[in-house]
Each structure stands twice: as C-alpha cells, then as structure tokens.
Amino acid sequence: MKMSHSSQQSPEAARAFDDSAFRGFERTRESEPSPASSAKQKRARRVFSAAEKLRILQEAASSSKRGEIEALLRREAIYSSHLAAWRKQLALRGTEGLEGAKPGRKPKLDARDHRILELERRVQFLESELERVTGNANYVASLASAAGGSC
C-alpha cells in the first residue's frame, strides 16, 4: 500500500484505526448469511381458528380469581388486545365474526344485497303486470258499460 508523503502513517496506526473504526463491519461473502440475520429469524404469524378464539374467550369469561386472565394470556402467548378485539368481533357478528377475514378486496355486493336486488326486480315486474291486468279489466269494464248503455 503506497501512501503519499502528506498522509504517511505507521502501518500499526493504520491497522488500529481500521480495527476500531470498522468493528462489526467485516466483509463477508454474499452467499454467507450475516450473523444478525441468522440469529433473528422472523416467526410465522399465528392464526387462531374461530373455535380456538371462542374457547379462549369462554375461559377468560369464566376466570374469577385475581391473576387468572393474566395466566391465560401468558399460557396462550397472546396480548390483552387480542381478547378485546375478539370480544368486540363476537359481540358485533357472533361466532362468524371470529372467523378470519378472507384476503383480498371485499365484494361490492354481498349475498344479502344480491337477494334484495332480485326481490326489488320481482316487485317491479309484478307491479307492472298488475297495472297491465287492472288496465285491461278497466278497459273491459268501460267497454261493457258502453255497450250496455247503448242497447
């Protein structure tokens, strides 16, 4: 390593600077995993079924002694916010609310909305049929009264 005259240092001083300044930043090959990334593997996210959520909620509801809910949370490895969210889901939508949401975009119309549209179309059709039939009946009645009055 050739240095210019103005920045000459002893090799020991340069090595000491290099070691202290770049400790932990040693070069590694691209194929080797870094120790930091191998030590902290990302855990897979836990997914609870509706039955598991309901079981945990019932167990929490039956807890009467001090510390039982905390022990339940530690044993199941969940947070109190999970219980609060599950209680809210259960109160709003019943046991169906405890099931996980389907991934992806929500449909614009659900099955209930489709049924409402179908019934509204049927009502409109039946009203138009009723109007046509009553219109024909009125026409026949007017013809009958006109024919009966001229005879």
N, C-alpha and C. Protein backbone atom coordinates (compact mmCIF):
# COMPACT_ATOMS: atom_id res chain seq x y z
N MET A 1 0.85 -1.17 0.00
CA MET A 1 0.00 0.00 0.00
C MET A 1 0.89 1.23 0.00
N LYS A 2 0.78 2.02 -1.03
CA LYS A 2 1.65 3.17 -1.18
C LYS A 2 0.89 4.41 -0.74
N MET A 3 1.50 5.20 0.13
CA MET A 3 0.85 6.40 0.63
C MET A 3 1.60 7.62 0.16
N SER A 4 0.90 8.71 0.09
CA SER A 4 1.56 9.96 -0.28
C SER A 4 2.33 10.47 0.93
N HIS A 5 3.23 11.40 0.71
CA HIS A 5 4.07 11.93 1.79
C HIS A 5 3.26 12.66 2.84
N SER A 6 2.18 13.33 2.44
CA SER A 6 1.44 14.16 3.38
C SER A 6 0.59 13.31 4.33
N SER A 7 0.24 12.10 3.93
CA SER A 7 -0.63 11.31 4.79
C SER A 7 0.03 10.01 5.23
N GLN A 8 1.33 10.06 5.49
CA GLN A 8 2.02 8.85 5.89
C GLN A 8 1.73 8.54 7.35
N GLN A 9 1.38 7.27 7.61
CA GLN A 9 1.16 6.79 8.97
C GLN A 9 1.90 5.48 9.10
N SER A 10 2.13 5.15 10.33
CA SER A 10 2.77 3.85 10.53
C SER A 10 1.73 2.75 10.24
N PRO A 11 2.13 1.60 9.79
CA PRO A 11 1.18 0.52 9.49
C PRO A 11 0.39 0.09 10.72
N GLU A 12 0.98 0.14 11.90
CA GLU A 12 0.26 -0.24 13.12
C GLU A 12 -0.87 0.74 13.41
N ALA A 13 -0.60 2.03 13.22
CA ALA A 13 -1.62 3.05 13.47
C ALA A 13 -2.76 2.90 12.48
N ALA A 14 -2.44 2.60 11.24
CA ALA A 14 -3.48 2.41 10.22
C ALA A 14 -4.32 1.18 10.55
N ARG A 15 -3.67 0.09 11.00
CA ARG A 15 -4.40 -1.12 11.36
C ARG A 15 -5.28 -0.87 12.57
N ALA A 16 -4.78 -0.13 13.57
CA ALA A 16 -5.55 0.19 14.77
C ALA A 16 -6.78 1.02 14.41
N PHE A 17 -6.59 1.97 13.49
CA PHE A 17 -7.71 2.79 13.05
C PHE A 17 -8.73 1.93 12.34
N ASP A 18 -8.26 1.06 11.46
CA ASP A 18 -9.16 0.20 10.70
C ASP A 18 -9.94 -0.73 11.63
N ASP A 19 -9.25 -1.31 12.62
CA ASP A 19 -9.91 -2.26 13.50
C ASP A 19 -10.96 -1.58 14.38
N SER A 20 -10.63 -0.43 14.94
CA SER A 20 -11.57 0.20 15.86
C SER A 20 -12.72 0.88 15.13
N ALA A 21 -12.45 1.45 13.98
CA ALA A 21 -13.49 2.20 13.28
C ALA A 21 -14.50 1.29 12.59
N PHE A 22 -14.05 0.12 12.17
CA PHE A 22 -14.93 -0.73 11.38
C PHE A 22 -15.23 -2.07 12.06
N ARG A 23 -15.22 -2.06 13.37
CA ARG A 23 -15.50 -3.29 14.10
C ARG A 23 -16.96 -3.68 13.84
N GLY A 24 -17.18 -4.91 13.45
CA GLY A 24 -18.53 -5.39 13.16
C GLY A 24 -18.93 -5.23 11.71
N PHE A 25 -18.09 -4.57 10.90
CA PHE A 25 -18.42 -4.35 9.50
C PHE A 25 -17.46 -5.11 8.59
N GLU A 26 -17.04 -6.28 9.04
CA GLU A 26 -16.12 -7.06 8.23
C GLU A 26 -16.82 -7.49 6.95
N ARG A 27 -16.03 -7.60 5.93
CA ARG A 27 -16.60 -8.05 4.67
C ARG A 27 -16.89 -9.54 4.75
N THR A 28 -18.03 -9.91 4.24
CA THR A 28 -18.38 -11.32 4.15
C THR A 28 -18.78 -11.60 2.72
N ARG A 29 -18.72 -12.86 2.37
CA ARG A 29 -19.14 -13.22 1.02
C ARG A 29 -20.65 -13.08 0.93
N GLU A 30 -21.13 -12.83 -0.26
CA GLU A 30 -22.56 -12.65 -0.48
C GLU A 30 -23.36 -13.89 -0.10
N SER A 31 -22.77 -15.07 -0.26
CA SER A 31 -23.51 -16.30 -0.01
C SER A 31 -23.63 -16.61 1.48
N GLU A 32 -22.79 -16.02 2.32
CA GLU A 32 -22.85 -16.29 3.75
C GLU A 32 -23.93 -15.43 4.39
N PRO A 33 -24.79 -16.03 5.20
CA PRO A 33 -25.76 -15.20 5.92
C PRO A 33 -25.07 -14.43 7.03
N SER A 34 -25.49 -13.23 7.26
CA SER A 34 -24.88 -12.45 8.32
C SER A 34 -25.32 -13.02 9.66
N PRO A 35 -24.50 -12.89 10.69
CA PRO A 35 -24.87 -13.45 12.00
C PRO A 35 -26.13 -12.79 12.56
N ALA A 36 -26.34 -11.53 12.26
CA ALA A 36 -27.51 -10.84 12.79
C ALA A 36 -28.79 -11.40 12.18
N SER A 37 -28.76 -11.70 10.88
CA SER A 37 -29.98 -12.19 10.24
C SER A 37 -30.27 -13.63 10.61
N SER A 38 -29.24 -14.43 10.84
CA SER A 38 -29.48 -15.83 11.19
C SER A 38 -29.94 -15.95 12.64
N ALA A 39 -29.54 -15.03 13.50
CA ALA A 39 -29.94 -15.09 14.90
C ALA A 39 -31.41 -14.70 15.07
N LYS A 40 -31.90 -13.81 14.25
CA LYS A 40 -33.28 -13.32 14.38
C LYS A 40 -34.10 -13.78 13.19
N GLN A 41 -34.58 -15.01 13.24
CA GLN A 41 -35.46 -15.50 12.19
C GLN A 41 -36.85 -14.94 12.45
N LYS A 42 -37.51 -14.50 11.39
CA LYS A 42 -38.86 -13.95 11.54
C LYS A 42 -39.83 -15.09 11.78
N ARG A 43 -40.57 -15.00 12.88
CA ARG A 43 -41.52 -16.05 13.21
C ARG A 43 -42.75 -15.91 12.34
N ALA A 44 -43.34 -17.03 12.04
CA ALA A 44 -44.58 -17.03 11.27
C ALA A 44 -45.70 -16.49 12.14
N ARG A 45 -46.59 -15.76 11.54
CA ARG A 45 -47.70 -15.17 12.27
C ARG A 45 -48.69 -16.26 12.66
N ARG A 46 -49.13 -16.22 13.92
CA ARG A 46 -50.06 -17.23 14.39
C ARG A 46 -51.46 -16.90 13.93
N VAL A 47 -52.19 -17.92 13.57
CA VAL A 47 -53.58 -17.75 13.13
C VAL A 47 -54.44 -18.62 14.04
N PHE A 48 -55.43 -18.00 14.67
CA PHE A 48 -56.32 -18.71 15.56
C PHE A 48 -57.61 -19.03 14.82
N SER A 49 -58.10 -20.24 14.98
CA SER A 49 -59.39 -20.60 14.39
C SER A 49 -60.50 -20.00 15.24
N ALA A 50 -61.69 -19.98 14.70
CA ALA A 50 -62.83 -19.43 15.44
C ALA A 50 -63.08 -20.25 16.71
N ALA A 51 -62.89 -21.56 16.62
CA ALA A 51 -63.10 -22.42 17.79
C ALA A 51 -62.08 -22.10 18.89
N GLU A 52 -60.82 -21.87 18.50
CA GLU A 52 -59.80 -21.53 19.49
C GLU A 52 -60.11 -20.19 20.16
N LYS A 53 -60.50 -19.22 19.35
CA LYS A 53 -60.83 -17.89 19.90
C LYS A 53 -62.00 -18.01 20.87
N LEU A 54 -63.02 -18.77 20.49
CA LEU A 54 -64.19 -18.93 21.35
C LEU A 54 -63.81 -19.64 22.65
N ARG A 55 -62.97 -20.66 22.57
CA ARG A 55 -62.52 -21.38 23.76
C ARG A 55 -61.77 -20.44 24.71
N ILE A 56 -60.87 -19.63 24.16
CA ILE A 56 -60.09 -18.70 24.99
C ILE A 56 -61.01 -17.65 25.60
N LEU A 57 -61.97 -17.13 24.81
CA LEU A 57 -62.90 -16.14 25.35
C LEU A 57 -63.76 -16.72 26.47
N GLN A 58 -64.21 -17.96 26.31
CA GLN A 58 -65.02 -18.59 27.35
C GLN A 58 -64.19 -18.82 28.61
N GLU A 59 -62.95 -19.21 28.42
CA GLU A 59 -62.08 -19.42 29.57
C GLU A 59 -61.80 -18.10 30.29
N ALA A 60 -61.63 -17.04 29.52
CA ALA A 60 -61.40 -15.72 30.13
C ALA A 60 -62.65 -15.24 30.87
N ALA A 61 -63.82 -15.52 30.29
CA ALA A 61 -65.08 -15.10 30.93
C ALA A 61 -65.32 -15.87 32.23
N SER A 62 -64.87 -17.11 32.28
CA SER A 62 -65.08 -17.91 33.49
C SER A 62 -64.04 -17.63 34.57
N SER A 63 -63.02 -16.85 34.24
CA SER A 63 -61.98 -16.52 35.22
C SER A 63 -62.54 -15.55 36.24
N SER A 64 -62.46 -15.93 37.51
CA SER A 64 -62.99 -15.07 38.55
C SER A 64 -61.92 -14.63 39.54
N LYS A 65 -60.88 -15.42 39.68
CA LYS A 65 -59.84 -15.10 40.64
C LYS A 65 -58.83 -14.13 40.03
N ARG A 66 -58.21 -13.38 40.92
CA ARG A 66 -57.21 -12.41 40.50
C ARG A 66 -56.03 -13.13 39.87
N GLY A 67 -55.61 -12.66 38.69
CA GLY A 67 -54.46 -13.20 38.02
C GLY A 67 -54.75 -14.34 37.06
N GLU A 68 -55.98 -14.84 37.03
CA GLU A 68 -56.29 -15.96 36.13
C GLU A 68 -56.23 -15.54 34.66
N ILE A 69 -56.73 -14.35 34.36
CA ILE A 69 -56.70 -13.89 32.96
C ILE A 69 -55.26 -13.66 32.52
N GLU A 70 -54.44 -13.09 33.40
CA GLU A 70 -53.03 -12.88 33.06
C GLU A 70 -52.33 -14.21 32.81
N ALA A 71 -52.64 -15.21 33.63
CA ALA A 71 -52.06 -16.54 33.43
C ALA A 71 -52.52 -17.14 32.11
N LEU A 72 -53.79 -16.93 31.77
CA LEU A 72 -54.32 -17.41 30.49
C LEU A 72 -53.59 -16.74 29.32
N LEU A 73 -53.38 -15.43 29.43
CA LEU A 73 -52.68 -14.71 28.37
C LEU A 73 -51.25 -15.22 28.20
N ARG A 74 -50.57 -15.46 29.32
CA ARG A 74 -49.21 -15.99 29.24
C ARG A 74 -49.19 -17.40 28.66
N ARG A 75 -50.12 -18.24 29.11
CA ARG A 75 -50.16 -19.62 28.65
C ARG A 75 -50.45 -19.70 27.14
N GLU A 76 -51.36 -18.86 26.65
CA GLU A 76 -51.72 -18.87 25.23
C GLU A 76 -50.79 -18.00 24.40
N ALA A 77 -49.92 -17.24 25.06
CA ALA A 77 -48.97 -16.34 24.39
C ALA A 77 -49.70 -15.32 23.52
N ILE A 78 -50.70 -14.66 24.13
CA ILE A 78 -51.45 -13.61 23.42
C ILE A 78 -51.47 -12.36 24.29
N TYR A 79 -51.89 -11.27 23.70
CA TYR A 79 -51.99 -9.99 24.41
C TYR A 79 -53.44 -9.72 24.79
N SER A 80 -53.62 -8.84 25.75
CA SER A 80 -54.97 -8.49 26.18
C SER A 80 -55.74 -7.82 25.05
N SER A 81 -55.02 -7.19 24.11
CA SER A 81 -55.71 -6.56 22.97
C SER A 81 -56.37 -7.61 22.08
N HIS A 82 -55.78 -8.83 22.04
CA HIS A 82 -56.43 -9.91 21.30
C HIS A 82 -57.80 -10.21 21.91
N LEU A 83 -57.83 -10.33 23.23
CA LEU A 83 -59.11 -10.61 23.90
C LEU A 83 -60.12 -9.50 23.63
N ALA A 84 -59.68 -8.26 23.70
CA ALA A 84 -60.59 -7.14 23.47
C ALA A 84 -61.14 -7.16 22.05
N ALA A 85 -60.27 -7.41 21.07
CA ALA A 85 -60.71 -7.44 19.67
C ALA A 85 -61.65 -8.61 19.44
N TRP A 86 -61.34 -9.78 20.00
CA TRP A 86 -62.20 -10.95 19.81
C TRP A 86 -63.55 -10.76 20.48
N ARG A 87 -63.56 -10.12 21.65
CA ARG A 87 -64.84 -9.83 22.32
C ARG A 87 -65.70 -8.91 21.46
N LYS A 88 -65.07 -7.93 20.87
CA LYS A 88 -65.79 -6.99 20.00
C LYS A 88 -66.34 -7.72 18.77
N GLN A 89 -65.53 -8.56 18.15
CA GLN A 89 -65.98 -9.32 16.98
C GLN A 89 -67.14 -10.23 17.34
N LEU A 90 -67.07 -10.87 18.50
CA LEU A 90 -68.13 -11.76 18.95
C LEU A 90 -69.41 -10.99 19.21
N ALA A 91 -69.30 -9.81 19.81
CA ALA A 91 -70.49 -9.01 20.11
C ALA A 91 -71.14 -8.47 18.84
N LEU A 92 -70.34 -8.08 17.86
CA LEU A 92 -70.89 -7.48 16.64
C LEU A 92 -71.46 -8.50 15.67
N ARG A 93 -70.71 -9.60 15.44
CA ARG A 93 -71.12 -10.53 14.39
C ARG A 93 -71.28 -11.96 14.85
N GLY A 94 -71.25 -12.21 16.15
CA GLY A 94 -71.42 -13.57 16.65
C GLY A 94 -70.19 -14.41 16.35
N THR A 95 -70.39 -15.72 16.34
CA THR A 95 -69.26 -16.63 16.12
C THR A 95 -68.70 -16.51 14.71
N GLU A 96 -69.51 -16.07 13.75
CA GLU A 96 -69.00 -15.87 12.39
C GLU A 96 -67.98 -14.73 12.37
N GLY A 97 -68.11 -13.77 13.28
CA GLY A 97 -67.18 -12.67 13.35
C GLY A 97 -65.80 -13.08 13.82
N LEU A 98 -65.72 -14.23 14.50
CA LEU A 98 -64.43 -14.70 14.99
C LEU A 98 -63.61 -15.37 13.89
N GLU A 99 -64.24 -15.74 12.79
CA GLU A 99 -63.50 -16.34 11.69
C GLU A 99 -62.64 -15.28 11.03
N GLY A 100 -61.52 -15.69 10.52
CA GLY A 100 -60.61 -14.75 9.88
C GLY A 100 -61.22 -14.16 8.63
N ALA A 101 -60.87 -12.93 8.34
CA ALA A 101 -61.37 -12.28 7.13
C ALA A 101 -60.68 -12.89 5.91
N LYS A 102 -61.41 -13.00 4.85
CA LYS A 102 -60.84 -13.52 3.61
C LYS A 102 -59.89 -12.48 3.05
N PRO A 103 -58.76 -12.90 2.51
CA PRO A 103 -57.84 -11.93 1.92
C PRO A 103 -58.41 -11.38 0.62
N GLY A 104 -58.02 -10.18 0.31
CA GLY A 104 -58.43 -9.58 -0.95
C GLY A 104 -59.50 -8.53 -0.78
N ARG A 105 -59.91 -8.01 -1.89
CA ARG A 105 -60.89 -6.93 -1.92
C ARG A 105 -62.27 -7.45 -1.54
N LYS A 106 -63.00 -6.65 -0.78
CA LYS A 106 -64.35 -7.02 -0.40
C LYS A 106 -65.26 -6.87 -1.62
N PRO A 107 -66.23 -7.78 -1.77
CA PRO A 107 -67.14 -7.64 -2.90
C PRO A 107 -68.02 -6.41 -2.73
N LYS A 108 -68.39 -5.80 -3.85
CA LYS A 108 -69.23 -4.61 -3.77
C LYS A 108 -70.60 -4.95 -3.20
N LEU A 109 -71.11 -6.10 -3.59
CA LEU A 109 -72.40 -6.56 -3.09
C LEU A 109 -72.23 -7.95 -2.49
N ASP A 110 -72.79 -8.13 -1.30
CA ASP A 110 -72.73 -9.46 -0.72
C ASP A 110 -73.99 -10.23 -1.10
N ALA A 111 -74.16 -11.43 -0.58
CA ALA A 111 -75.30 -12.28 -0.93
C ALA A 111 -76.62 -11.63 -0.55
N ARG A 112 -76.64 -10.94 0.57
CA ARG A 112 -77.86 -10.27 1.02
C ARG A 112 -78.26 -9.16 0.05
N ASP A 113 -77.28 -8.39 -0.41
CA ASP A 113 -77.56 -7.32 -1.36
C ASP A 113 -78.07 -7.87 -2.69
N HIS A 114 -77.49 -8.99 -3.13
CA HIS A 114 -77.96 -9.62 -4.37
C HIS A 114 -79.42 -10.06 -4.23
N ARG A 115 -79.76 -10.63 -3.07
CA ARG A 115 -81.14 -11.08 -2.83
C ARG A 115 -82.09 -9.89 -2.82
N ILE A 116 -81.69 -8.79 -2.22
CA ILE A 116 -82.53 -7.58 -2.18
C ILE A 116 -82.78 -7.08 -3.60
N LEU A 117 -81.73 -7.02 -4.42
CA LEU A 117 -81.89 -6.58 -5.82
C LEU A 117 -82.83 -7.50 -6.59
N GLU A 118 -82.70 -8.80 -6.37
CA GLU A 118 -83.56 -9.77 -7.05
C GLU A 118 -85.02 -9.56 -6.67
N LEU A 119 -85.27 -9.35 -5.38
CA LEU A 119 -86.64 -9.13 -4.91
C LEU A 119 -87.20 -7.81 -5.42
N GLU A 120 -86.37 -6.77 -5.46
CA GLU A 120 -86.85 -5.48 -5.99
C GLU A 120 -87.23 -5.60 -7.46
N ARG A 121 -86.45 -6.34 -8.25
CA ARG A 121 -86.79 -6.55 -9.66
C ARG A 121 -88.10 -7.31 -9.79
N ARG A 122 -88.30 -8.31 -8.93
CA ARG A 122 -89.53 -9.09 -8.99
C ARG A 122 -90.74 -8.23 -8.61
N VAL A 123 -90.60 -7.40 -7.59
CA VAL A 123 -91.69 -6.50 -7.20
C VAL A 123 -92.04 -5.56 -8.36
N GLN A 124 -91.02 -5.01 -9.01
CA GLN A 124 -91.25 -4.11 -10.14
C GLN A 124 -91.98 -4.83 -11.27
N PHE A 125 -91.57 -6.06 -11.56
CA PHE A 125 -92.22 -6.84 -12.62
C PHE A 125 -93.67 -7.12 -12.25
N LEU A 126 -93.93 -7.55 -11.01
CA LEU A 126 -95.29 -7.86 -10.59
C LEU A 126 -96.18 -6.62 -10.57
N GLU A 127 -95.63 -5.47 -10.20
CA GLU A 127 -96.42 -4.23 -10.23
C GLU A 127 -96.80 -3.87 -11.66
N SER A 128 -95.86 -4.05 -12.59
CA SER A 128 -96.18 -3.75 -13.98
C SER A 128 -97.23 -4.73 -14.52
N GLU A 129 -97.15 -6.00 -14.12
CA GLU A 129 -98.16 -6.99 -14.53
C GLU A 129 -99.52 -6.62 -13.94
N LEU A 130 -99.54 -6.21 -12.69
CA LEU A 130 -100.79 -5.83 -12.04
C LEU A 130 -101.41 -4.62 -12.74
N GLU A 131 -100.57 -3.68 -13.08
CA GLU A 131 -101.04 -2.49 -13.79
C GLU A 131 -101.64 -2.87 -15.15
N ARG A 132 -100.97 -3.78 -15.84
CA ARG A 132 -101.45 -4.22 -17.15
C ARG A 132 -102.79 -4.93 -17.01
N VAL A 133 -102.91 -5.83 -16.01
CA VAL A 133 -104.15 -6.59 -15.83
C VAL A 133 -105.29 -5.67 -15.39
N THR A 134 -105.03 -4.78 -14.44
CA THR A 134 -106.09 -3.87 -14.00
C THR A 134 -106.45 -2.89 -15.09
N GLY A 135 -105.47 -2.52 -15.90
CA GLY A 135 -105.76 -1.65 -17.05
C GLY A 135 -106.66 -2.35 -18.04
N ASN A 136 -106.40 -3.62 -18.30
CA ASN A 136 -107.25 -4.41 -19.20
C ASN A 136 -108.63 -4.59 -18.60
N ALA A 137 -108.72 -4.83 -17.29
CA ALA A 137 -110.01 -5.01 -16.63
C ALA A 137 -110.83 -3.72 -16.70
N ASN A 138 -110.16 -2.59 -16.50
CA ASN A 138 -110.87 -1.30 -16.59
C ASN A 138 -111.35 -1.07 -18.02
N TYR A 139 -110.53 -1.44 -18.98
CA TYR A 139 -110.89 -1.28 -20.39
C TYR A 139 -112.11 -2.15 -20.73
N VAL A 140 -112.08 -3.41 -20.24
CA VAL A 140 -113.21 -4.32 -20.48
C VAL A 140 -114.46 -3.79 -19.80
N ALA A 141 -114.33 -3.28 -18.60
CA ALA A 141 -115.48 -2.74 -17.86
C ALA A 141 -116.04 -1.53 -18.57
N SER A 142 -115.16 -0.67 -19.09
CA SER A 142 -115.66 0.51 -19.80
C SER A 142 -116.36 0.09 -21.10
N LEU A 143 -115.84 -0.91 -21.76
CA LEU A 143 -116.49 -1.43 -22.98
C LEU A 143 -117.85 -2.02 -22.64
N ALA A 144 -117.91 -2.76 -21.54
CA ALA A 144 -119.17 -3.39 -21.15
C ALA A 144 -120.20 -2.34 -20.76
N SER A 145 -119.79 -1.29 -20.08
CA SER A 145 -120.74 -0.23 -19.68
C SER A 145 -121.17 0.57 -20.90
N ALA A 146 -120.25 0.76 -21.84
CA ALA A 146 -120.61 1.48 -23.06
C ALA A 146 -121.56 0.64 -23.93
N ALA A 147 -121.31 -0.62 -23.99
CA ALA A 147 -122.19 -1.50 -24.78
C ALA A 147 -123.52 -1.69 -24.10
N GLY A 148 -123.53 -1.72 -22.79
CA GLY A 148 -124.79 -1.91 -22.05
C GLY A 148 -125.66 -0.66 -22.09
N GLY A 149 -125.06 0.49 -22.16
CA GLY A 149 -125.81 1.73 -22.17
C GLY A 149 -126.39 2.06 -23.53
N SER A 150 -125.82 1.56 -24.62
CA SER A 150 -126.29 1.90 -25.95
C SER A 150 -127.40 0.97 -26.42
N CYS A 151 -127.58 -0.16 -25.76
CA CYS A 151 -128.60 -1.10 -26.19
C CYS A 151 -129.94 -0.75 -25.72
